[in-house]
Amino acid sequence: MPYAWPRYPPCASDPCTSRECCGQNRYNTIWPNLIGVHVDEARDIIMDDNPLVNVVFVPQGGEALEIFCCNRVCIFMDENYLVRKVPVVG
């Protein structure tokens, strides 16, 4: 039975400690194909692929929290609102 993560925030991960666990063997947890994609399109793809997560946009120069969260995906974007790093759960 899959976990019922709350929408981020708050951060949820228990009992998972790895990205693979967060996907519950049912959902994507990494999106390497989204590099260079507009952030709005990337968000929609991520939310369609994994309904357990919320997307957090991180502007150029910004950093994500060091806390591991199964219900969060950070999209690191450049000044043109394009994805610049591979989005991953965590």
PDB file of N, CA and C in Angstrom:
ATOM      1  N   MET A   1       0.848  -1.184   0.000  1.00  0.00           N
ATOM      2  CA  MET A   1       0.000   0.000   0.000  1.00  0.00           C
ATOM      3  C   MET A   1       0.891   1.244   0.000  1.00  0.00           C
ATOM      4  N   PRO A   2       0.653   2.195  -0.916  1.00  0.00           N
ATOM      5  CA  PRO A   2       1.505   3.385  -0.973  1.00  0.00           C
ATOM      6  C   PRO A   2       1.272   4.309   0.220  1.00  0.00           C
ATOM      7  N   TYR A   3       2.309   5.088   0.507  1.00  0.00           N
ATOM      8  CA  TYR A   3       2.203   6.086   1.569  1.00  0.00           C
ATOM      9  C   TYR A   3       1.339   7.229   1.075  1.00  0.00           C
ATOM     10  N   ALA A   4       0.722   7.928   1.977  1.00  0.00           N
ATOM     11  CA  ALA A   4      -0.076   9.098   1.635  1.00  0.00           C
ATOM     12  C   ALA A   4       0.678  10.336   2.113  1.00  0.00           C
ATOM     13  N   TRP A   5       1.651  10.782   1.297  1.00  0.00           N
ATOM     14  CA  TRP A   5       2.421  11.963   1.688  1.00  0.00           C
ATOM     15  C   TRP A   5       1.506  13.185   1.720  1.00  0.00           C
ATOM     16  N   PRO A   6       1.692  14.058   2.700  1.00  0.00           N
ATOM     17  CA  PRO A   6       0.967  15.335   2.658  1.00  0.00           C
ATOM     18  C   PRO A   6       1.588  16.210   1.574  1.00  0.00           C
ATOM     19  N   ARG A   7       0.859  17.165   1.089  1.00  0.00           N
ATOM     20  CA  ARG A   7       1.423  18.109   0.126  1.00  0.00           C
ATOM     21  C   ARG A   7       2.512  18.917   0.815  1.00  0.00           C
ATOM     22  N   TYR A   8       3.598  19.206   0.083  1.00  0.00           N
ATOM     23  CA  TYR A   8       4.707  19.973   0.641  1.00  0.00           C
ATOM     24  C   TYR A   8       4.332  21.433   0.676  1.00  0.00           C
ATOM     25  N   PRO A   9       4.662  22.220   1.718  1.00  0.00           N
ATOM     26  CA  PRO A   9       5.081  21.733   3.014  1.00  0.00           C
ATOM     27  C   PRO A   9       3.904  21.177   3.795  1.00  0.00           C
ATOM     28  N   PRO A  10       4.096  20.411   4.802  1.00  0.00           N
ATOM     29  CA  PRO A  10       5.352  20.076   5.464  1.00  0.00           C
ATOM     30  C   PRO A  10       6.107  18.984   4.718  1.00  0.00           C
ATOM     31  N   CYS A  11       7.368  18.888   5.057  1.00  0.00           N
ATOM     32  CA  CYS A  11       8.235  17.870   4.491  1.00  0.00           C
ATOM     33  C   CYS A  11       7.806  16.499   5.017  1.00  0.00           C
ATOM     34  N   ALA A  12       7.765  15.516   4.091  1.00  0.00           N
ATOM     35  CA  ALA A  12       7.419  14.149   4.487  1.00  0.00           C
ATOM     36  C   ALA A  12       8.406  13.179   3.856  1.00  0.00           C
ATOM     37  N   SER A  13       8.894  12.237   4.624  1.00  0.00           N
ATOM     38  CA  SER A  13       9.778  11.204   4.107  1.00  0.00           C
ATOM     39  C   SER A  13       9.675   9.906   4.879  1.00  0.00           C
ATOM     40  N   ASP A  14       9.263   9.952   6.116  1.00  0.00           N
ATOM     41  CA  ASP A  14       9.245   8.765   6.961  1.00  0.00           C
ATOM     42  C   ASP A  14       8.386   7.688   6.325  1.00  0.00           C
ATOM     43  N   PRO A  15       8.841   6.476   6.126  1.00  0.00           N
ATOM     44  CA  PRO A  15      10.092   5.880   6.567  1.00  0.00           C
ATOM     45  C   PRO A  15      11.193   5.893   5.495  1.00  0.00           C
ATOM     46  N   CYS A  16      11.017   6.626   4.409  1.00  0.00           N
ATOM     47  CA  CYS A  16      11.985   6.602   3.307  1.00  0.00           C
ATOM     48  C   CYS A  16      13.216   7.452   3.593  1.00  0.00           C
ATOM     49  N   THR A  17      14.336   6.974   3.082  1.00  0.00           N
ATOM     50  CA  THR A  17      15.588   7.733   3.195  1.00  0.00           C
ATOM     51  C   THR A  17      16.275   7.852   1.840  1.00  0.00           C
ATOM     52  N   SER A  18      15.618   7.376   0.782  1.00  0.00           N
ATOM     53  CA  SER A  18      16.204   7.457  -0.556  1.00  0.00           C
ATOM     54  C   SER A  18      15.150   7.876  -1.567  1.00  0.00           C
ATOM     55  N   ARG A  19      15.604   8.474  -2.649  1.00  0.00           N
ATOM     56  CA  ARG A  19      14.709   8.914  -3.707  1.00  0.00           C
ATOM     57  C   ARG A  19      13.910   7.735  -4.266  1.00  0.00           C
ATOM     58  N   GLU A  20      14.550   6.582  -4.427  1.00  0.00           N
ATOM     59  CA  GLU A  20      13.874   5.418  -4.982  1.00  0.00           C
ATOM     60  C   GLU A  20      12.693   4.993  -4.113  1.00  0.00           C
ATOM     61  N   CYS A  21      12.875   5.029  -2.818  1.00  0.00           N
ATOM     62  CA  CYS A  21      11.798   4.686  -1.893  1.00  0.00           C
ATOM     63  C   CYS A  21      10.639   5.666  -2.035  1.00  0.00           C
ATOM     64  N   CYS A  22      10.959   6.930  -2.240  1.00  0.00           N
ATOM     65  CA  CYS A  22       9.916   7.956  -2.348  1.00  0.00           C
ATOM     66  C   CYS A  22       8.968   7.704  -3.510  1.00  0.00           C
ATOM     67  N   GLY A  23       9.459   7.097  -4.581  1.00  0.00           N
ATOM     68  CA  GLY A  23       8.618   6.820  -5.731  1.00  0.00           C
ATOM     69  C   GLY A  23       7.702   5.634  -5.542  1.00  0.00           C
ATOM     70  N   GLN A  24       7.922   4.901  -4.458  1.00  0.00           N
ATOM     71  CA  GLN A  24       7.073   3.772  -4.087  1.00  0.00           C
ATOM     72  C   GLN A  24       6.936   2.753  -5.221  1.00  0.00           C
ATOM     73  N   ASN A  25       7.973   2.644  -6.031  1.00  0.00           N
ATOM     74  CA  ASN A  25       7.988   1.721  -7.166  1.00  0.00           C
ATOM     75  C   ASN A  25       6.838   1.958  -8.140  1.00  0.00           C
ATOM     76  N   ARG A  26       6.263   3.154  -8.104  1.00  0.00           N
ATOM     77  CA  ARG A  26       5.134   3.481  -8.988  1.00  0.00           C
ATOM     78  C   ARG A  26       5.336   4.780  -9.751  1.00  0.00           C
ATOM     79  N   TYR A  27       6.137   5.694  -9.201  1.00  0.00           N
ATOM     80  CA  TYR A  27       6.228   7.035  -9.762  1.00  0.00           C
ATOM     81  C   TYR A  27       7.676   7.417 -10.063  1.00  0.00           C
ATOM     82  N   ASN A  28       7.842   8.290 -11.051  1.00  0.00           N
ATOM     83  CA  ASN A  28       9.169   8.823 -11.357  1.00  0.00           C
ATOM     84  C   ASN A  28       9.696   9.627 -10.182  1.00  0.00           C
ATOM     85  N   THR A  29      11.010   9.617 -10.035  1.00  0.00           N
ATOM     86  CA  THR A  29      11.657  10.425  -8.990  1.00  0.00           C
ATOM     87  C   THR A  29      12.797  11.263  -9.546  1.00  0.00           C
ATOM     88  N   ILE A  30      13.042  11.150 -10.859  1.00  0.00           N
ATOM     89  CA  ILE A  30      14.105  11.918 -11.498  1.00  0.00           C
ATOM     90  C   ILE A  30      13.676  12.197 -12.942  1.00  0.00           C
ATOM     91  N   TRP A  31      14.003  13.418 -13.423  1.00  0.00           N
ATOM     92  CA  TRP A  31      13.570  13.856 -14.741  1.00  0.00           C
ATOM     93  C   TRP A  31      14.727  14.476 -15.530  1.00  0.00           C
ATOM     94  N   PRO A  32      15.675  13.665 -16.004  1.00  0.00           N
ATOM     95  CA  PRO A  32      16.816  14.208 -16.751  1.00  0.00           C
ATOM     96  C   PRO A  32      16.414  14.810 -18.100  1.00  0.00           C
ATOM     97  N   ASN A  33      15.272  14.414 -18.628  1.00  0.00           N
ATOM     98  CA  ASN A  33      14.805  14.913 -19.915  1.00  0.00           C
ATOM     99  C   ASN A  33      14.279  16.348 -19.859  1.00  0.00           C
ATOM    100  N   LEU A  34      14.221  16.952 -18.672  1.00  0.00           N
ATOM    101  CA  LEU A  34      13.644  18.290 -18.545  1.00  0.00           C
ATOM    102  C   LEU A  34      14.665  19.428 -18.598  1.00  0.00           C
ATOM    103  N   ILE A  35      15.936  19.119 -18.719  1.00  0.00           N
ATOM    104  CA  ILE A  35      16.947  20.174 -18.845  1.00  0.00           C
ATOM    105  C   ILE A  35      16.612  21.021 -20.076  1.00  0.00           C
ATOM    106  N   GLY A  36      16.548  22.337 -19.903  1.00  0.00           N
ATOM    107  CA  GLY A  36      16.267  23.250 -21.006  1.00  0.00           C
ATOM    108  C   GLY A  36      14.796  23.483 -21.289  1.00  0.00           C
ATOM    109  N   VAL A  37      13.917  22.784 -20.580  1.00  0.00           N
ATOM    110  CA  VAL A  37      12.463  22.934 -20.755  1.00  0.00           C
ATOM    111  C   VAL A  37      11.992  24.117 -19.917  1.00  0.00           C
ATOM    112  N   HIS A  38      10.968  24.837 -20.394  1.00  0.00           N
ATOM    113  CA  HIS A  38      10.397  25.944 -19.619  1.00  0.00           C
ATOM    114  C   HIS A  38       9.846  25.396 -18.306  1.00  0.00           C
ATOM    115  N   VAL A  39      10.007  26.157 -17.226  1.00  0.00           N
ATOM    116  CA  VAL A  39       9.641  25.664 -15.893  1.00  0.00           C
ATOM    117  C   VAL A  39       8.157  25.319 -15.753  1.00  0.00           C
ATOM    118  N   ASP A  40       7.283  26.031 -16.438  1.00  0.00           N
ATOM    119  CA  ASP A  40       5.853  25.713 -16.349  1.00  0.00           C
ATOM    120  C   ASP A  40       5.558  24.349 -16.959  1.00  0.00           C
ATOM    121  N   GLU A  41       6.168  24.072 -18.101  1.00  0.00           N
ATOM    122  CA  GLU A  41       5.981  22.766 -18.736  1.00  0.00           C
ATOM    123  C   GLU A  41       6.601  21.661 -17.881  1.00  0.00           C
ATOM    124  N   ALA A  42       7.788  21.939 -17.327  1.00  0.00           N
ATOM    125  CA  ALA A  42       8.465  20.962 -16.473  1.00  0.00           C
ATOM    126  C   ALA A  42       7.618  20.635 -15.250  1.00  0.00           C
ATOM    127  N   ARG A  43       7.048  21.665 -14.621  1.00  0.00           N
ATOM    128  CA  ARG A  43       6.177  21.444 -13.453  1.00  0.00           C
ATOM    129  C   ARG A  43       5.007  20.536 -13.815  1.00  0.00           C
ATOM    130  N   ASP A  44       4.370  20.805 -14.938  1.00  0.00           N
ATOM    131  CA  ASP A  44       3.216  20.002 -15.347  1.00  0.00           C
ATOM    132  C   ASP A  44       3.610  18.545 -15.596  1.00  0.00           C
ATOM    133  N   ILE A  45       4.747  18.327 -16.232  1.00  0.00           N
ATOM    134  CA  ILE A  45       5.221  16.968 -16.499  1.00  0.00           C
ATOM    135  C   ILE A  45       5.503  16.238 -15.190  1.00  0.00           C
ATOM    136  N   ILE A  46       6.188  16.910 -14.278  1.00  0.00           N
ATOM    137  CA  ILE A  46       6.517  16.296 -12.984  1.00  0.00           C
ATOM    138  C   ILE A  46       5.243  15.942 -12.215  1.00  0.00           C
ATOM    139  N   MET A  47       4.302  16.866 -12.169  1.00  0.00           N
ATOM    140  CA  MET A  47       3.064  16.618 -11.417  1.00  0.00           C
ATOM    141  C   MET A  47       2.242  15.494 -12.056  1.00  0.00           C
ATOM    142  N   ASP A  48       2.291  15.368 -13.387  1.00  0.00           N
ATOM    143  CA  ASP A  48       1.598  14.257 -14.053  1.00  0.00           C
ATOM    144  C   ASP A  48       2.287  12.929 -13.771  1.00  0.00           C
ATOM    145  N   ASP A  49       3.628  12.951 -13.744  1.00  0.00           N
ATOM    146  CA  ASP A  49       4.409  11.730 -13.521  1.00  0.00           C
ATOM    147  C   ASP A  49       4.375  11.249 -12.076  1.00  0.00           C
ATOM    148  N   ASN A  50       4.256  12.183 -11.128  1.00  0.00           N
ATOM    149  CA  ASN A  50       4.303  11.817  -9.717  1.00  0.00           C
ATOM    150  C   ASN A  50       3.343  12.704  -8.917  1.00  0.00           C
ATOM    151  N   PRO A  51       2.122  12.231  -8.684  1.00  0.00           N
ATOM    152  CA  PRO A  51       1.134  13.034  -7.969  1.00  0.00           C
ATOM    153  C   PRO A  51       1.422  13.182  -6.472  1.00  0.00           C
ATOM    154  N   LEU A  52       2.470  12.546  -5.979  1.00  0.00           N
ATOM    155  CA  LEU A  52       2.805  12.630  -4.554  1.00  0.00           C
ATOM    156  C   LEU A  52       3.652  13.855  -4.212  1.00  0.00           C
ATOM    157  N   VAL A  53       4.101  14.603  -5.225  1.00  0.00           N
ATOM    158  CA  VAL A  53       5.038  15.704  -4.976  1.00  0.00           C
ATOM    159  C   VAL A  53       4.434  17.056  -5.318  1.00  0.00           C
ATOM    160  N   ASN A  54       5.031  18.083  -4.750  1.00  0.00           N
ATOM    161  CA  ASN A  54       4.827  19.468  -5.143  1.00  0.00           C
ATOM    162  C   ASN A  54       6.146  19.978  -5.689  1.00  0.00           C
ATOM    163  N   VAL A  55       6.065  20.933  -6.580  1.00  0.00           N
ATOM    164  CA  VAL A  55       7.252  21.512  -7.207  1.00  0.00           C
ATOM    165  C   VAL A  55       7.575  22.836  -6.531  1.00  0.00           C
ATOM    166  N   VAL A  56       8.855  23.031  -6.251  1.00  0.00           N
ATOM    167  CA  VAL A  56       9.351  24.279  -5.690  1.00  0.00           C
ATOM    168  C   VAL A  56      10.330  24.867  -6.699  1.00  0.00           C
ATOM    169  N   PHE A  57      10.096  26.105  -7.123  1.00  0.00           N
ATOM    170  CA  PHE A  57      10.997  26.769  -8.062  1.00  0.00           C
ATOM    171  C   PHE A  57      12.142  27.428  -7.307  1.00  0.00           C
ATOM    172  N   VAL A  58      13.360  27.209  -7.803  1.00  0.00           N
ATOM    173  CA  VAL A  58      14.553  27.798  -7.198  1.00  0.00           C
ATOM    174  C   VAL A  58      15.211  28.672  -8.265  1.00  0.00           C
ATOM    175  N   PRO A  59      15.242  30.002  -8.058  1.00  0.00           N
ATOM    176  CA  PRO A  59      15.826  30.891  -9.058  1.00  0.00           C
ATOM    177  C   PRO A  59      17.342  30.738  -9.141  1.00  0.00           C
ATOM    178  N   GLN A  60      17.915  31.238 -10.234  1.00  0.00           N
ATOM    179  CA  GLN A  60      19.360  31.178 -10.402  1.00  0.00           C
ATOM    180  C   GLN A  60      20.041  31.831  -9.203  1.00  0.00           C
ATOM    181  N   GLY A  61      21.028  31.151  -8.663  1.00  0.00           N
ATOM    182  CA  GLY A  61      21.734  31.630  -7.485  1.00  0.00           C
ATOM    183  C   GLY A  61      21.112  31.153  -6.184  1.00  0.00           C
ATOM    184  N   GLY A  62      19.897  30.616  -6.254  1.00  0.00           N
ATOM    185  CA  GLY A  62      19.229  30.123  -5.058  1.00  0.00           C
ATOM    186  C   GLY A  62      19.647  28.696  -4.748  1.00  0.00           C
ATOM    187  N   GLU A  63      19.365  28.275  -3.527  1.00  0.00           N
ATOM    188  CA  GLU A  63      19.702  26.929  -3.095  1.00  0.00           C
ATOM    189  C   GLU A  63      18.484  26.260  -2.486  1.00  0.00           C
ATOM    190  N   ALA A  64      18.449  24.952  -2.595  1.00  0.00           N
ATOM    191  CA  ALA A  64      17.375  24.172  -1.976  1.00  0.00           C
ATOM    192  C   ALA A  64      17.736  23.892  -0.526  1.00  0.00           C
ATOM    193  N   LEU A  65      16.738  23.590   0.258  1.00  0.00           N
ATOM    194  CA  LEU A  65      16.971  23.197   1.640  1.00  0.00           C
ATOM    195  C   LEU A  65      17.715  21.873   1.674  1.00  0.00           C
ATOM    196  N   GLU A  66      18.512  21.665   2.681  1.00  0.00           N
ATOM    197  CA  GLU A  66      19.269  20.422   2.825  1.00  0.00           C
ATOM    198  C   GLU A  66      18.412  19.279   3.364  1.00  0.00           C
ATOM    199  N   ILE A  67      17.191  19.560   3.722  1.00  0.00           N
ATOM    200  CA  ILE A  67      16.299  18.550   4.276  1.00  0.00           C
ATOM    201  C   ILE A  67      15.759  17.676   3.146  1.00  0.00           C
ATOM    202  N   PHE A  68      15.857  16.362   3.287  1.00  0.00           N
ATOM    203  CA  PHE A  68      15.355  15.417   2.295  1.00  0.00           C
ATOM    204  C   PHE A  68      13.851  15.258   2.467  1.00  0.00           C
ATOM    205  N   CYS A  69      13.090  15.515   1.404  1.00  0.00           N
ATOM    206  CA  CYS A  69      11.628  15.417   1.451  1.00  0.00           C
ATOM    207  C   CYS A  69      11.117  14.599   0.282  1.00  0.00           C
ATOM    208  N   CYS A  70      10.364  13.545   0.559  1.00  0.00           N
ATOM    209  CA  CYS A  70       9.790  12.710  -0.500  1.00  0.00           C
ATOM    210  C   CYS A  70       8.692  13.416  -1.279  1.00  0.00           C
ATOM    211  N   ASN A  71       8.140  14.449  -0.730  1.00  0.00           N
ATOM    212  CA  ASN A  71       7.015  15.115  -1.376  1.00  0.00           C
ATOM    213  C   ASN A  71       7.401  16.461  -2.003  1.00  0.00           C
ATOM    214  N   ARG A  72       8.694  16.620  -2.339  1.00  0.00           N
ATOM    215  CA  ARG A  72       9.173  17.874  -2.923  1.00  0.00           C
ATOM    216  C   ARG A  72      10.113  17.590  -4.089  1.00  0.00           C
ATOM    217  N   VAL A  73       9.968  18.384  -5.144  1.00  0.00           N
ATOM    218  CA  VAL A  73      10.915  18.404  -6.255  1.00  0.00           C
ATOM    219  C   VAL A  73      11.286  19.858  -6.494  1.00  0.00           C
ATOM    220  N   CYS A  74      12.567  20.152  -6.450  1.00  0.00           N
ATOM    221  CA  CYS A  74      13.043  21.507  -6.735  1.00  0.00           C
ATOM    222  C   CYS A  74      13.379  21.617  -8.210  1.00  0.00           C
ATOM    223  N   ILE A  75      12.888  22.683  -8.824  1.00  0.00           N
ATOM    224  CA  ILE A  75      13.266  22.999 -10.199  1.00  0.00           C
ATOM    225  C   ILE A  75      14.188  24.207 -10.137  1.00  0.00           C
ATOM    226  N   PHE A  76      15.447  23.984 -10.492  1.00  0.00           N
ATOM    227  CA  PHE A  76      16.434  25.056 -10.553  1.00  0.00           C
ATOM    228  C   PHE A  76      16.340  25.694 -11.933  1.00  0.00           C
ATOM    229  N   MET A  77      16.054  26.998 -11.964  1.00  0.00           N
ATOM    230  CA  MET A  77      15.822  27.655 -13.244  1.00  0.00           C
ATOM    231  C   MET A  77      16.839  28.753 -13.500  1.00  0.00           C
ATOM    232  N   ASP A  78      17.021  29.050 -14.788  1.00  0.00           N
ATOM    233  CA  ASP A  78      17.914  30.140 -15.155  1.00  0.00           C
ATOM    234  C   ASP A  78      17.103  31.420 -15.337  1.00  0.00           C
ATOM    235  N   GLU A  79      17.761  32.475 -15.819  1.00  0.00           N
ATOM    236  CA  GLU A  79      17.100  33.780 -15.971  1.00  0.00           C
ATOM    237  C   GLU A  79      16.018  33.769 -17.047  1.00  0.00           C
ATOM    238  N   ASN A  80      16.012  32.752 -17.907  1.00  0.00           N
ATOM    239  CA  ASN A  80      14.997  32.625 -18.960  1.00  0.00           C
ATOM    240  C   ASN A  80      13.881  31.655 -18.580  1.00  0.00           C
ATOM    241  N   TYR A  81      13.844  31.248 -17.315  1.00  0.00           N
ATOM    242  CA  TYR A  81      12.829  30.327 -16.796  1.00  0.00           C
ATOM    243  C   TYR A  81      12.915  28.941 -17.446  1.00  0.00           C
ATOM    244  N   LEU A  82      14.147  28.517 -17.716  1.00  0.00           N
ATOM    245  CA  LEU A  82      14.393  27.192 -18.242  1.00  0.00           C
ATOM    246  C   LEU A  82      15.059  26.353 -17.161  1.00  0.00           C
ATOM    247  N   VAL A  83      14.748  25.062 -17.138  1.00  0.00           N
ATOM    248  CA  VAL A  83      15.324  24.149 -16.158  1.00  0.00           C
ATOM    249  C   VAL A  83      16.824  24.030 -16.432  1.00  0.00           C
ATOM    250  N   ARG A  84      17.657  24.224 -15.368  1.00  0.00           N
ATOM    251  CA  ARG A  84      19.103  24.172 -15.551  1.00  0.00           C
ATOM    252  C   ARG A  84      19.789  23.015 -14.840  1.00  0.00           C
ATOM    253  N   LYS A  85      19.078  22.304 -13.962  1.00  0.00           N
ATOM    254  CA  LYS A  85      19.596  21.125 -13.278  1.00  0.00           C
ATOM    255  C   LYS A  85      18.533  20.041 -13.327  1.00  0.00           C
ATOM    256  N   VAL A  86      18.959  18.796 -13.296  1.00  0.00           N
ATOM    257  CA  VAL A  86      18.014  17.673 -13.346  1.00  0.00           C
ATOM    258  C   VAL A  86      17.110  17.716 -12.108  1.00  0.00           C
ATOM    259  N   PRO A  87      15.794  17.821 -12.302  1.00  0.00           N
ATOM    260  CA  PRO A  87      14.876  17.776 -11.164  1.00  0.00           C
ATOM    261  C   PRO A  87      14.821  16.365 -10.569  1.00  0.00           C
ATOM    262  N   VAL A  88      14.886  16.303  -9.245  1.00  0.00           N
ATOM    263  CA  VAL A  88      14.815  15.025  -8.530  1.00  0.00           C
ATOM    264  C   VAL A  88      13.957  15.191  -7.286  1.00  0.00           C
ATOM    265  N   VAL A  89      13.335  14.108  -6.875  1.00  0.00           N
ATOM    266  CA  VAL A  89      12.614  14.108  -5.606  1.00  0.00           C
ATOM    267  C   VAL A  89      13.627  14.237  -4.480  1.00  0.00           C
ATOM    268  N   GLY A  90      13.290  14.973  -3.495  1.00  0.00           N
ATOM    269  CA  GLY A  90      14.161  15.093  -2.336  1.00  0.00           C
ATOM    270  C   GLY A  90      14.263  16.490  -1.866  1.00  0.00           C
TER     271      GLY A  90
END
